[in-house]
Amino acid sequence: MHRQGDVLVVPIAPADLPPGLIDAPRDRRHRMVLALGEATGHAHVLTGERVALLSPPEEPDRLYLLIEGYGRLVHEEHGPISLTPGAYRVVRQREYFPGAIRFVAD
C-alpha cells in the first residue's frame, strides 16, 4: 500500500478489477488526477508510461489504476511515489462532519 496525503493506493489482483471500466475523466490540463485539493488547488496526479486511470462509467469518483509500464504518483507538497506494474484501487480518506461523511479537504 502507498499513502500520499489523503490518498491511499491499494494493490489488487488484476482479475479483481471491476468489468466495464473506462478511462476516468482528465482535468482541463489533461492530467490523470486521483484527488484535487479544494483548499490549495494542488493535485495527486498519476504519471508514467503505459498507465491508466480507470473508473466505472456510472461512478467517475471510484478510481482504479492499471500500471503496465512504470507509474509515479506526484503531488506538489509530497514526495513522489513509484508504482510497480499491476492493478490498484484508489481510496480517498474521509472525515466525519456533523450531519455528513465527506472526503478530506486537502
PDB file of N, CA and C in Angstrom:
ATOM      1  N   MET A   1       0.834  -1.177   0.000  1.00  0.00           N
ATOM      2  CA  MET A   1       0.000   0.000   0.000  1.00  0.00           C
ATOM      3  C   MET A   1       0.879   1.241   0.000  1.00  0.00           C
ATOM      4  N   HIS A   2       0.359   2.278  -0.596  1.00  0.00           N
ATOM      5  CA  HIS A   2       1.072   3.549  -0.642  1.00  0.00           C
ATOM      6  C   HIS A   2       0.103   4.646  -0.215  1.00  0.00           C
ATOM      7  N   ARG A   3       0.580   5.548   0.631  1.00  0.00           N
ATOM      8  CA  ARG A   3      -0.246   6.683   1.041  1.00  0.00           C
ATOM      9  C   ARG A   3       0.486   7.961   0.670  1.00  0.00           C
ATOM     10  N   GLN A   4      -0.265   8.875   0.072  1.00  0.00           N
ATOM     11  CA  GLN A   4       0.261  10.202  -0.240  1.00  0.00           C
ATOM     12  C   GLN A   4      -0.800  11.192   0.235  1.00  0.00           C
ATOM     13  N   GLY A   5      -0.566  11.774   1.409  1.00  0.00           N
ATOM     14  CA  GLY A   5      -1.557  12.673   1.978  1.00  0.00           C
ATOM     15  C   GLY A   5      -2.863  11.950   2.227  1.00  0.00           C
ATOM     16  N   ASP A   6      -3.958  12.439   1.651  1.00  0.00           N
ATOM     17  CA  ASP A   6      -5.276  11.857   1.865  1.00  0.00           C
ATOM     18  C   ASP A   6      -5.650  10.793   0.837  1.00  0.00           C
ATOM     19  N   VAL A   7      -4.667  10.322   0.056  1.00  0.00           N
ATOM     20  CA  VAL A   7      -4.915   9.301  -0.971  1.00  0.00           C
ATOM     21  C   VAL A   7      -4.157   8.025  -0.602  1.00  0.00           C
ATOM     22  N   LEU A   8      -4.870   6.901  -0.611  1.00  0.00           N
ATOM     23  CA  LEU A   8      -4.289   5.591  -0.364  1.00  0.00           C
ATOM     24  C   LEU A   8      -4.419   4.777  -1.646  1.00  0.00           C
ATOM     25  N   VAL A   9      -3.324   4.135  -2.070  1.00  0.00           N
ATOM     26  CA  VAL A   9      -3.305   3.297  -3.269  1.00  0.00           C
ATOM     27  C   VAL A   9      -3.052   1.862  -2.811  1.00  0.00           C
ATOM     28  N   VAL A  10      -4.042   1.003  -3.040  1.00  0.00           N
ATOM     29  CA  VAL A  10      -4.012  -0.367  -2.537  1.00  0.00           C
ATOM     30  C   VAL A  10      -3.839  -1.336  -3.705  1.00  0.00           C
ATOM     31  N   PRO A  11      -2.789  -2.178  -3.684  1.00  0.00           N
ATOM     32  CA  PRO A  11      -2.637  -3.164  -4.765  1.00  0.00           C
ATOM     33  C   PRO A  11      -3.771  -4.192  -4.725  1.00  0.00           C
ATOM     34  N   ILE A  12      -4.244  -4.564  -5.907  1.00  0.00           N
ATOM     35  CA  ILE A  12      -5.247  -5.617  -6.038  1.00  0.00           C
ATOM     36  C   ILE A  12      -4.820  -6.522  -7.192  1.00  0.00           C
ATOM     37  N   ALA A  13      -5.385  -7.700  -7.242  1.00  0.00           N
ATOM     38  CA  ALA A  13      -5.115  -8.592  -8.370  1.00  0.00           C
ATOM     39  C   ALA A  13      -5.783  -8.007  -9.616  1.00  0.00           C
ATOM     40  N   PRO A  14      -5.102  -8.025 -10.767  1.00  0.00           N
ATOM     41  CA  PRO A  14      -5.739  -7.511 -11.988  1.00  0.00           C
ATOM     42  C   PRO A  14      -7.103  -8.147 -12.262  1.00  0.00           C
ATOM     43  N   ALA A  15      -7.267  -9.417 -11.886  1.00  0.00           N
ATOM     44  CA  ALA A  15      -8.555 -10.098 -12.087  1.00  0.00           C
ATOM     45  C   ALA A  15      -9.656  -9.484 -11.221  1.00  0.00           C
ATOM     46  N   ASP A  16      -9.270  -8.728 -10.180  1.00  0.00           N
ATOM     47  CA  ASP A  16     -10.258  -8.101  -9.297  1.00  0.00           C
ATOM     48  C   ASP A  16     -10.714  -6.724  -9.781  1.00  0.00           C
ATOM     49  N   LEU A  17     -10.161  -6.256 -10.902  1.00  0.00           N
ATOM     50  CA  LEU A  17     -10.664  -5.004 -11.469  1.00  0.00           C
ATOM     51  C   LEU A  17     -12.110  -5.228 -11.909  1.00  0.00           C
ATOM     52  N   PRO A  18     -13.012  -4.314 -11.575  1.00  0.00           N
ATOM     53  CA  PRO A  18     -14.408  -4.488 -12.000  1.00  0.00           C
ATOM     54  C   PRO A  18     -14.519  -4.506 -13.522  1.00  0.00           C
ATOM     55  N   PRO A  19     -15.477  -5.253 -14.057  1.00  0.00           N
ATOM     56  CA  PRO A  19     -15.663  -5.266 -15.514  1.00  0.00           C
ATOM     57  C   PRO A  19     -16.230  -3.932 -15.993  1.00  0.00           C
ATOM     58  N   GLY A  20     -15.957  -3.598 -17.232  1.00  0.00           N
ATOM     59  CA  GLY A  20     -16.553  -2.425 -17.857  1.00  0.00           C
ATOM     60  C   GLY A  20     -15.915  -1.095 -17.511  1.00  0.00           C
ATOM     61  N   LEU A  21     -14.707  -1.106 -16.933  1.00  0.00           N
ATOM     62  CA  LEU A  21     -14.051   0.162 -16.601  1.00  0.00           C
ATOM     63  C   LEU A  21     -13.723   0.953 -17.862  1.00  0.00           C
ATOM     64  N   ILE A  22     -13.777   2.268 -17.731  1.00  0.00           N
ATOM     65  CA  ILE A  22     -13.408   3.165 -18.825  1.00  0.00           C
ATOM     66  C   ILE A  22     -12.343   4.134 -18.318  1.00  0.00           C
ATOM     67  N   ASP A  23     -11.701   4.841 -19.240  1.00  0.00           N
ATOM     68  CA  ASP A  23     -10.748   5.861 -18.829  1.00  0.00           C
ATOM     69  C   ASP A  23     -11.476   6.915 -18.011  1.00  0.00           C
ATOM     70  N   ALA A  24     -10.930   7.219 -16.834  1.00  0.00           N
ATOM     71  CA  ALA A  24     -11.526   8.251 -15.978  1.00  0.00           C
ATOM     72  C   ALA A  24     -11.320   9.612 -16.636  1.00  0.00           C
ATOM     73  N   PRO A  25     -12.223  10.540 -16.385  1.00  0.00           N
ATOM     74  CA  PRO A  25     -12.061  11.871 -16.975  1.00  0.00           C
ATOM     75  C   PRO A  25     -10.751  12.516 -16.527  1.00  0.00           C
ATOM     76  N   ARG A  26     -10.140  13.251 -17.438  1.00  0.00           N
ATOM     77  CA  ARG A  26      -8.926  14.005 -17.103  1.00  0.00           C
ATOM     78  C   ARG A  26      -9.321  15.444 -16.799  1.00  0.00           C
ATOM     79  N   ASP A  27      -8.431  16.144 -16.111  1.00  0.00           N
ATOM     80  CA  ASP A  27      -8.737  17.540 -15.807  1.00  0.00           C
ATOM     81  C   ASP A  27      -8.485  18.409 -17.031  1.00  0.00           C
ATOM     82  N   ARG A  28      -8.716  19.700 -16.902  1.00  0.00           N
ATOM     83  CA  ARG A  28      -8.599  20.600 -18.065  1.00  0.00           C
ATOM     84  C   ARG A  28      -7.180  20.686 -18.595  1.00  0.00           C
ATOM     85  N   ARG A  29      -6.183  20.243 -17.805  1.00  0.00           N
ATOM     86  CA  ARG A  29      -4.792  20.210 -18.266  1.00  0.00           C
ATOM     87  C   ARG A  29      -4.421  18.817 -18.774  1.00  0.00           C
ATOM     88  N   HIS A  30      -5.412  17.944 -18.927  1.00  0.00           N
ATOM     89  CA  HIS A  30      -5.260  16.575 -19.442  1.00  0.00           C
ATOM     90  C   HIS A  30      -4.443  15.682 -18.518  1.00  0.00           C
ATOM     91  N   ARG A  31      -4.449  15.985 -17.212  1.00  0.00           N
ATOM     92  CA  ARG A  31      -3.742  15.159 -16.234  1.00  0.00           C
ATOM     93  C   ARG A  31      -4.670  14.083 -15.693  1.00  0.00           C
ATOM     94  N   MET A  32      -4.072  12.976 -15.254  1.00  0.00           N
ATOM     95  CA  MET A  32      -4.822  11.912 -14.586  1.00  0.00           C
ATOM     96  C   MET A  32      -4.796  12.224 -13.093  1.00  0.00           C
ATOM     97  N   VAL A  33      -5.854  12.867 -12.598  1.00  0.00           N
ATOM     98  CA  VAL A  33      -5.914  13.358 -11.221  1.00  0.00           C
ATOM     99  C   VAL A  33      -6.687  12.373 -10.348  1.00  0.00           C
ATOM    100  N   LEU A  34      -6.015  11.887  -9.281  1.00  0.00           N
ATOM    101  CA  LEU A  34      -6.666  10.999  -8.327  1.00  0.00           C
ATOM    102  C   LEU A  34      -7.467  11.798  -7.310  1.00  0.00           C
ATOM    103  N   ALA A  35      -6.958  12.965  -6.928  1.00  0.00           N
ATOM    104  CA  ALA A  35      -7.655  13.833  -5.975  1.00  0.00           C
ATOM    105  C   ALA A  35      -7.134  15.247  -6.167  1.00  0.00           C
ATOM    106  N   LEU A  36      -8.050  16.200  -6.106  1.00  0.00           N
ATOM    107  CA  LEU A  36      -7.707  17.606  -6.262  1.00  0.00           C
ATOM    108  C   LEU A  36      -7.910  18.301  -4.932  1.00  0.00           C
ATOM    109  N   GLY A  37      -6.899  19.062  -4.496  1.00  0.00           N
ATOM    110  CA  GLY A  37      -7.011  19.803  -3.249  1.00  0.00           C
ATOM    111  C   GLY A  37      -7.970  20.957  -3.387  1.00  0.00           C
ATOM    112  N   GLU A  38      -9.010  20.950  -2.571  1.00  0.00           N
ATOM    113  CA  GLU A  38     -10.011  22.007  -2.638  1.00  0.00           C
ATOM    114  C   GLU A  38      -9.469  23.325  -2.097  1.00  0.00           C
ATOM    115  N   ALA A  39      -8.623  23.251  -1.078  1.00  0.00           N
ATOM    116  CA  ALA A  39      -8.112  24.472  -0.462  1.00  0.00           C
ATOM    117  C   ALA A  39      -6.918  25.038  -1.231  1.00  0.00           C
ATOM    118  N   THR A  40      -6.025  24.166  -1.696  1.00  0.00           N
ATOM    119  CA  THR A  40      -4.774  24.626  -2.310  1.00  0.00           C
ATOM    120  C   THR A  40      -4.776  24.569  -3.828  1.00  0.00           C
ATOM    121  N   GLY A  41      -5.616  23.725  -4.403  1.00  0.00           N
ATOM    122  CA  GLY A  41      -5.589  23.526  -5.851  1.00  0.00           C
ATOM    123  C   GLY A  41      -4.518  22.539  -6.284  1.00  0.00           C
ATOM    124  N   HIS A  42      -3.730  22.026  -5.323  1.00  0.00           N
ATOM    125  CA  HIS A  42      -2.736  21.011  -5.657  1.00  0.00           C
ATOM    126  C   HIS A  42      -3.437  19.700  -5.968  1.00  0.00           C
ATOM    127  N   ALA A  43      -2.763  18.820  -6.708  1.00  0.00           N
ATOM    128  CA  ALA A  43      -3.408  17.586  -7.146  1.00  0.00           C
ATOM    129  C   ALA A  43      -2.482  16.388  -6.973  1.00  0.00           C
ATOM    130  N   HIS A  44      -3.086  15.236  -6.675  1.00  0.00           N
ATOM    131  CA  HIS A  44      -2.402  13.945  -6.691  1.00  0.00           C
ATOM    132  C   HIS A  44      -2.570  13.436  -8.125  1.00  0.00           C
ATOM    133  N   VAL A  45      -1.468  13.336  -8.870  1.00  0.00           N
ATOM    134  CA  VAL A  45      -1.517  13.060 -10.304  1.00  0.00           C
ATOM    135  C   VAL A  45      -0.722  11.799 -10.627  1.00  0.00           C
ATOM    136  N   LEU A  46      -1.302  10.939 -11.470  1.00  0.00           N
ATOM    137  CA  LEU A  46      -0.624   9.750 -11.971  1.00  0.00           C
ATOM    138  C   LEU A  46       0.139  10.111 -13.234  1.00  0.00           C
ATOM    139  N   THR A  47       1.427   9.766 -13.265  1.00  0.00           N
ATOM    140  CA  THR A  47       2.252   9.964 -14.452  1.00  0.00           C
ATOM    141  C   THR A  47       2.963   8.654 -14.767  1.00  0.00           C
ATOM    142  N   GLY A  48       3.595   8.574 -15.933  1.00  0.00           N
ATOM    143  CA  GLY A  48       4.373   7.397 -16.283  1.00  0.00           C
ATOM    144  C   GLY A  48       4.068   6.927 -17.685  1.00  0.00           C
ATOM    145  N   GLU A  49       4.608   5.754 -18.004  1.00  0.00           N
ATOM    146  CA  GLU A  49       4.398   5.145 -19.313  1.00  0.00           C
ATOM    147  C   GLU A  49       3.518   3.921 -19.167  1.00  0.00           C
ATOM    148  N   ARG A  50       2.540   3.806 -20.084  1.00  0.00           N
ATOM    149  CA  ARG A  50       1.598   2.684 -20.090  1.00  0.00           C
ATOM    150  C   ARG A  50       0.879   2.588 -18.747  1.00  0.00           C
ATOM    151  N   VAL A  51       0.273   3.721 -18.362  1.00  0.00           N
ATOM    152  CA  VAL A  51      -0.532   3.786 -17.144  1.00  0.00           C
ATOM    153  C   VAL A  51      -1.943   4.210 -17.521  1.00  0.00           C
ATOM    154  N   ALA A  52      -2.916   3.772 -16.734  1.00  0.00           N
ATOM    155  CA  ALA A  52      -4.302   4.149 -16.979  1.00  0.00           C
ATOM    156  C   ALA A  52      -4.988   4.435 -15.653  1.00  0.00           C
ATOM    157  N   LEU A  53      -5.782   5.489 -15.643  1.00  0.00           N
ATOM    158  CA  LEU A  53      -6.660   5.820 -14.532  1.00  0.00           C
ATOM    159  C   LEU A  53      -8.066   5.461 -15.006  1.00  0.00           C
ATOM    160  N   LEU A  54      -8.706   4.524 -14.311  1.00  0.00           N
ATOM    161  CA  LEU A  54      -9.964   3.945 -14.772  1.00  0.00           C
ATOM    162  C   LEU A  54     -11.068   4.138 -13.745  1.00  0.00           C
ATOM    163  N   SER A  55     -12.316   4.119 -14.223  1.00  0.00           N
ATOM    164  CA  SER A  55     -13.467   4.193 -13.329  1.00  0.00           C
ATOM    165  C   SER A  55     -14.656   3.495 -13.981  1.00  0.00           C
ATOM    166  N   PRO A  56     -15.623   3.062 -13.163  1.00  0.00           N
ATOM    167  CA  PRO A  56     -16.868   2.565 -13.749  1.00  0.00           C
ATOM    168  C   PRO A  56     -17.595   3.739 -14.416  1.00  0.00           C
ATOM    169  N   PRO A  57     -18.280   3.516 -15.524  1.00  0.00           N
ATOM    170  CA  PRO A  57     -18.938   4.619 -16.241  1.00  0.00           C
ATOM    171  C   PRO A  57     -19.903   5.419 -15.368  1.00  0.00           C
ATOM    172  N   GLU A  58     -20.597   4.736 -14.468  1.00  0.00           N
ATOM    173  CA  GLU A  58     -21.604   5.417 -13.655  1.00  0.00           C
ATOM    174  C   GLU A  58     -21.046   5.972 -12.339  1.00  0.00           C
ATOM    175  N   GLU A  59     -19.759   5.730 -12.051  1.00  0.00           N
ATOM    176  CA  GLU A  59     -19.148   6.196 -10.798  1.00  0.00           C
ATOM    177  C   GLU A  59     -17.763   6.798 -11.075  1.00  0.00           C
ATOM    178  N   PRO A  60     -17.696   7.988 -11.650  1.00  0.00           N
ATOM    179  CA  PRO A  60     -16.393   8.548 -12.022  1.00  0.00           C
ATOM    180  C   PRO A  60     -15.473   8.851 -10.841  1.00  0.00           C
ATOM    181  N   ASP A  61     -15.996   8.869  -9.611  1.00  0.00           N
ATOM    182  CA  ASP A  61     -15.148   9.116  -8.447  1.00  0.00           C
ATOM    183  C   ASP A  61     -14.558   7.845  -7.852  1.00  0.00           C
ATOM    184  N   ARG A  62     -14.993   6.671  -8.325  1.00  0.00           N
ATOM    185  CA  ARG A  62     -14.435   5.390  -7.872  1.00  0.00           C
ATOM    186  C   ARG A  62     -13.301   5.036  -8.828  1.00  0.00           C
ATOM    187  N   LEU A  63     -12.071   5.125  -8.353  1.00  0.00           N
ATOM    188  CA  LEU A  63     -10.917   5.052  -9.263  1.00  0.00           C
ATOM    189  C   LEU A  63     -10.072   3.802  -9.065  1.00  0.00           C
ATOM    190  N   TYR A  64      -9.493   3.364 -10.185  1.00  0.00           N
ATOM    191  CA  TYR A  64      -8.553   2.240 -10.220  1.00  0.00           C
ATOM    192  C   TYR A  64      -7.380   2.642 -11.100  1.00  0.00           C
ATOM    193  N   LEU A  65      -6.217   2.062 -10.820  1.00  0.00           N
ATOM    194  CA  LEU A  65      -5.022   2.283 -11.636  1.00  0.00           C
ATOM    195  C   LEU A  65      -4.621   0.966 -12.268  1.00  0.00           C
ATOM    196  N   LEU A  66      -4.190   1.033 -13.509  1.00  0.00           N
ATOM    197  CA  LEU A  66      -3.591  -0.125 -14.172  1.00  0.00           C
ATOM    198  C   LEU A  66      -2.243   0.338 -14.697  1.00  0.00           C
ATOM    199  N   ILE A  67      -1.184  -0.210 -14.104  1.00  0.00           N
ATOM    200  CA  ILE A  67       0.180   0.160 -14.464  1.00  0.00           C
ATOM    201  C   ILE A  67       0.773  -1.008 -15.239  1.00  0.00           C
ATOM    202  N   GLU A  68       1.071  -0.795 -16.506  1.00  0.00           N
ATOM    203  CA  GLU A  68       1.681  -1.845 -17.320  1.00  0.00           C
ATOM    204  C   GLU A  68       3.150  -1.552 -17.590  1.00  0.00           C
ATOM    205  N   GLY A  69       3.571  -0.329 -17.420  1.00  0.00           N
ATOM    206  CA  GLY A  69       4.965   0.068 -17.584  1.00  0.00           C
ATOM    207  C   GLY A  69       5.515   0.483 -16.230  1.00  0.00           C
ATOM    208  N   TYR A  70       5.646   1.806 -16.052  1.00  0.00           N
ATOM    209  CA  TYR A  70       6.022   2.319 -14.739  1.00  0.00           C
ATOM    210  C   TYR A  70       5.133   3.514 -14.436  1.00  0.00           C
ATOM    211  N   GLY A  71       4.839   3.693 -13.165  1.00  0.00           N
ATOM    212  CA  GLY A  71       3.977   4.797 -12.773  1.00  0.00           C
ATOM    213  C   GLY A  71       4.551   5.552 -11.601  1.00  0.00           C
ATOM    214  N   ARG A  72       4.132   6.799 -11.506  1.00  0.00           N
ATOM    215  CA  ARG A  72       4.511   7.641 -10.369  1.00  0.00           C
ATOM    216  C   ARG A  72       3.289   8.431  -9.939  1.00  0.00           C
ATOM    217  N   LEU A  73       3.142   8.554  -8.644  1.00  0.00           N
ATOM    218  CA  LEU A  73       2.115   9.402  -8.069  1.00  0.00           C
ATOM    219  C   LEU A  73       2.831  10.650  -7.569  1.00  0.00           C
ATOM    220  N   VAL A  74       2.469  11.809  -8.102  1.00  0.00           N
ATOM    221  CA  VAL A  74       3.156  13.056  -7.750  1.00  0.00           C
ATOM    222  C   VAL A  74       2.160  14.056  -7.164  1.00  0.00           C
ATOM    223  N   HIS A  75       2.703  14.941  -6.331  1.00  0.00           N
ATOM    224  CA  HIS A  75       1.922  15.999  -5.683  1.00  0.00           C
ATOM    225  C   HIS A  75       2.893  17.103  -5.306  1.00  0.00           C
ATOM    226  N   GLU A  76       2.425  18.335  -5.365  1.00  0.00           N
ATOM    227  CA  GLU A  76       3.286  19.483  -5.109  1.00  0.00           C
ATOM    228  C   GLU A  76       3.850  19.526  -3.688  1.00  0.00           C
ATOM    229  N   GLU A  77       3.154  18.944  -2.708  1.00  0.00           N
ATOM    230  CA  GLU A  77       3.590  19.030  -1.321  1.00  0.00           C
ATOM    231  C   GLU A  77       4.106  17.715  -0.741  1.00  0.00           C
ATOM    232  N   HIS A  78       4.119  16.653  -1.542  1.00  0.00           N
ATOM    233  CA  HIS A  78       4.559  15.340  -1.062  1.00  0.00           C
ATOM    234  C   HIS A  78       5.620  14.796  -2.008  1.00  0.00           C
ATOM    235  N   GLY A  79       6.454  13.909  -1.495  1.00  0.00           N
ATOM    236  CA  GLY A  79       7.434  13.259  -2.354  1.00  0.00           C
ATOM    237  C   GLY A  79       6.747  12.320  -3.328  1.00  0.00           C
ATOM    238  N   PRO A  80       7.346  12.112  -4.522  1.00  0.00           N
ATOM    239  CA  PRO A  80       6.740  11.191  -5.499  1.00  0.00           C
ATOM    240  C   PRO A  80       6.795   9.747  -5.000  1.00  0.00           C
ATOM    241  N   ILE A  81       5.830   8.959  -5.437  1.00  0.00           N
ATOM    242  CA  ILE A  81       5.769   7.541  -5.091  1.00  0.00           C
ATOM    243  C   ILE A  81       5.839   6.743  -6.384  1.00  0.00           C
ATOM    244  N   SER A  82       6.784   5.819  -6.464  1.00  0.00           N
ATOM    245  CA  SER A  82       6.898   4.932  -7.625  1.00  0.00           C
ATOM    246  C   SER A  82       5.924   3.777  -7.471  1.00  0.00           C
ATOM    247  N   LEU A  83       5.242   3.447  -8.564  1.00  0.00           N
ATOM    248  CA  LEU A  83       4.287   2.344  -8.574  1.00  0.00           C
ATOM    249  C   LEU A  83       4.760   1.282  -9.550  1.00  0.00           C
ATOM    250  N   THR A  84       4.853   0.061  -9.070  1.00  0.00           N
ATOM    251  CA  THR A  84       5.291  -1.053  -9.918  1.00  0.00           C
ATOM    252  C   THR A  84       4.112  -1.531 -10.765  1.00  0.00           C
ATOM    253  N   PRO A  85       4.387  -2.269 -11.836  1.00  0.00           N
ATOM    254  CA  PRO A  85       3.298  -2.775 -12.668  1.00  0.00           C
ATOM    255  C   PRO A  85       2.283  -3.571 -11.849  1.00  0.00           C
ATOM    256  N   GLY A  86       1.025  -3.387 -12.198  1.00  0.00           N
ATOM    257  CA  GLY A  86      -0.053  -4.088 -11.504  1.00  0.00           C
ATOM    258  C   GLY A  86      -1.310  -3.246 -11.497  1.00  0.00           C
ATOM    259  N   ALA A  87      -2.279  -3.709 -10.730  1.00  0.00           N
ATOM    260  CA  ALA A  87      -3.562  -3.017 -10.595  1.00  0.00           C
ATOM    261  C   ALA A  87      -3.678  -2.490  -9.170  1.00  0.00           C
ATOM    262  N   TYR A  88      -4.376  -1.374  -9.034  1.00  0.00           N
ATOM    263  CA  TYR A  88      -4.522  -0.718  -7.735  1.00  0.00           C
ATOM    264  C   TYR A  88      -5.919  -0.129  -7.609  1.00  0.00           C
ATOM    265  N   ARG A  89      -6.397  -0.062  -6.385  1.00  0.00           N
ATOM    266  CA  ARG A  89      -7.646   0.624  -6.064  1.00  0.00           C
ATOM    267  C   ARG A  89      -7.269   1.909  -5.335  1.00  0.00           C
ATOM    268  N   VAL A  90      -7.930   3.007  -5.664  1.00  0.00           N
ATOM    269  CA  VAL A  90      -7.662   4.299  -5.036  1.00  0.00           C
ATOM    270  C   VAL A  90      -8.706   4.531  -3.948  1.00  0.00           C
ATOM    271  N   VAL A  91      -8.224   4.836  -2.747  1.00  0.00           N
ATOM    272  CA  VAL A  91      -9.111   5.105  -1.620  1.00  0.00           C
ATOM    273  C   VAL A  91      -8.829   6.521  -1.132  1.00  0.00           C
ATOM    274  N   ARG A  92      -9.863   7.345  -1.090  1.00  0.00           N
ATOM    275  CA  ARG A  92      -9.742   8.709  -0.565  1.00  0.00           C
ATOM    276  C   ARG A  92     -10.093   8.704   0.916  1.00  0.00           C
ATOM    277  N   GLN A  93      -9.290   9.379   1.711  1.00  0.00           N
ATOM    278  CA  GLN A  93      -9.573   9.490   3.136  1.00  0.00           C
ATOM    279  C   GLN A  93     -10.840  10.317   3.341  1.00  0.00           C
ATOM    280  N   ARG A  94     -11.668   9.874   4.289  1.00  0.00           N
ATOM    281  CA  ARG A  94     -12.910  10.578   4.593  1.00  0.00           C
ATOM    282  C   ARG A  94     -12.868  11.054   6.034  1.00  0.00           C
ATOM    283  N   GLU A  95     -13.738  12.011   6.339  1.00  0.00           N
ATOM    284  CA  GLU A  95     -13.837  12.508   7.699  1.00  0.00           C
ATOM    285  C   GLU A  95     -15.304  12.734   8.034  1.00  0.00           C
ATOM    286  N   TYR A  96     -15.589  12.691   9.331  1.00  0.00           N
ATOM    287  CA  TYR A  96     -16.946  12.976   9.769  1.00  0.00           C
ATOM    288  C   TYR A  96     -17.088  14.473   9.954  1.00  0.00           C
ATOM    289  N   PHE A  97     -18.153  15.010   9.420  1.00  0.00           N
ATOM    290  CA  PHE A  97     -18.525  16.415   9.594  1.00  0.00           C
ATOM    291  C   PHE A  97     -19.968  16.373  10.054  1.00  0.00           C
ATOM    292  N   PRO A  98     -20.361  17.104  11.086  1.00  0.00           N
ATOM    293  CA  PRO A  98     -21.718  16.970  11.616  1.00  0.00           C
ATOM    294  C   PRO A  98     -22.770  16.880  10.506  1.00  0.00           C
ATOM    295  N   GLY A  99     -23.440  15.733  10.499  1.00  0.00           N
ATOM    296  CA  GLY A  99     -24.503  15.507   9.523  1.00  0.00           C
ATOM    297  C   GLY A  99     -24.047  14.852   8.232  1.00  0.00           C
ATOM    298  N   ALA A 100     -22.735  14.619   8.062  1.00  0.00           N
ATOM    299  CA  ALA A 100     -22.271  14.045   6.793  1.00  0.00           C
ATOM    300  C   ALA A 100     -20.894  13.404   6.956  1.00  0.00           C
ATOM    301  N   ILE A 101     -20.588  12.518   6.028  1.00  0.00           N
ATOM    302  CA  ILE A 101     -19.231  11.997   5.884  1.00  0.00           C
ATOM    303  C   ILE A 101     -18.743  12.514   4.542  1.00  0.00           C
ATOM    304  N   ARG A 102     -17.573  13.122   4.531  1.00  0.00           N
ATOM    305  CA  ARG A 102     -17.079  13.747   3.304  1.00  0.00           C
ATOM    306  C   ARG A 102     -15.607  13.409   3.112  1.00  0.00           C
ATOM    307  N   PHE A 103     -15.128  13.621   1.866  1.00  0.00           N
ATOM    308  CA  PHE A 103     -13.713  13.449   1.603  1.00  0.00           C
ATOM    309  C   PHE A 103     -12.947  14.532   2.356  1.00  0.00           C
ATOM    310  N   VAL A 104     -11.754  14.200   2.812  1.00  0.00           N
ATOM    311  CA  VAL A 104     -10.900  15.170   3.484  1.00  0.00           C
ATOM    312  C   VAL A 104     -10.521  16.239   2.485  1.00  0.00           C
ATOM    313  N   ALA A 105     -10.634  17.502   2.866  1.00  0.00           N
ATOM    314  CA  ALA A 105     -10.226  18.619   2.002  1.00  0.00           C
ATOM    315  C   ALA A 105      -8.745  18.844   2.185  1.00  0.00           C
ATOM    316  N   ASP A 106      -8.002  18.758   1.097  1.00  0.00           N
ATOM    317  CA  ASP A 106      -6.545  18.911   1.129  1.00  0.00           C
ATOM    318  C   ASP A 106      -6.196  20.383   1.074  1.00  0.00           C
TER     319      ASP A 106
END
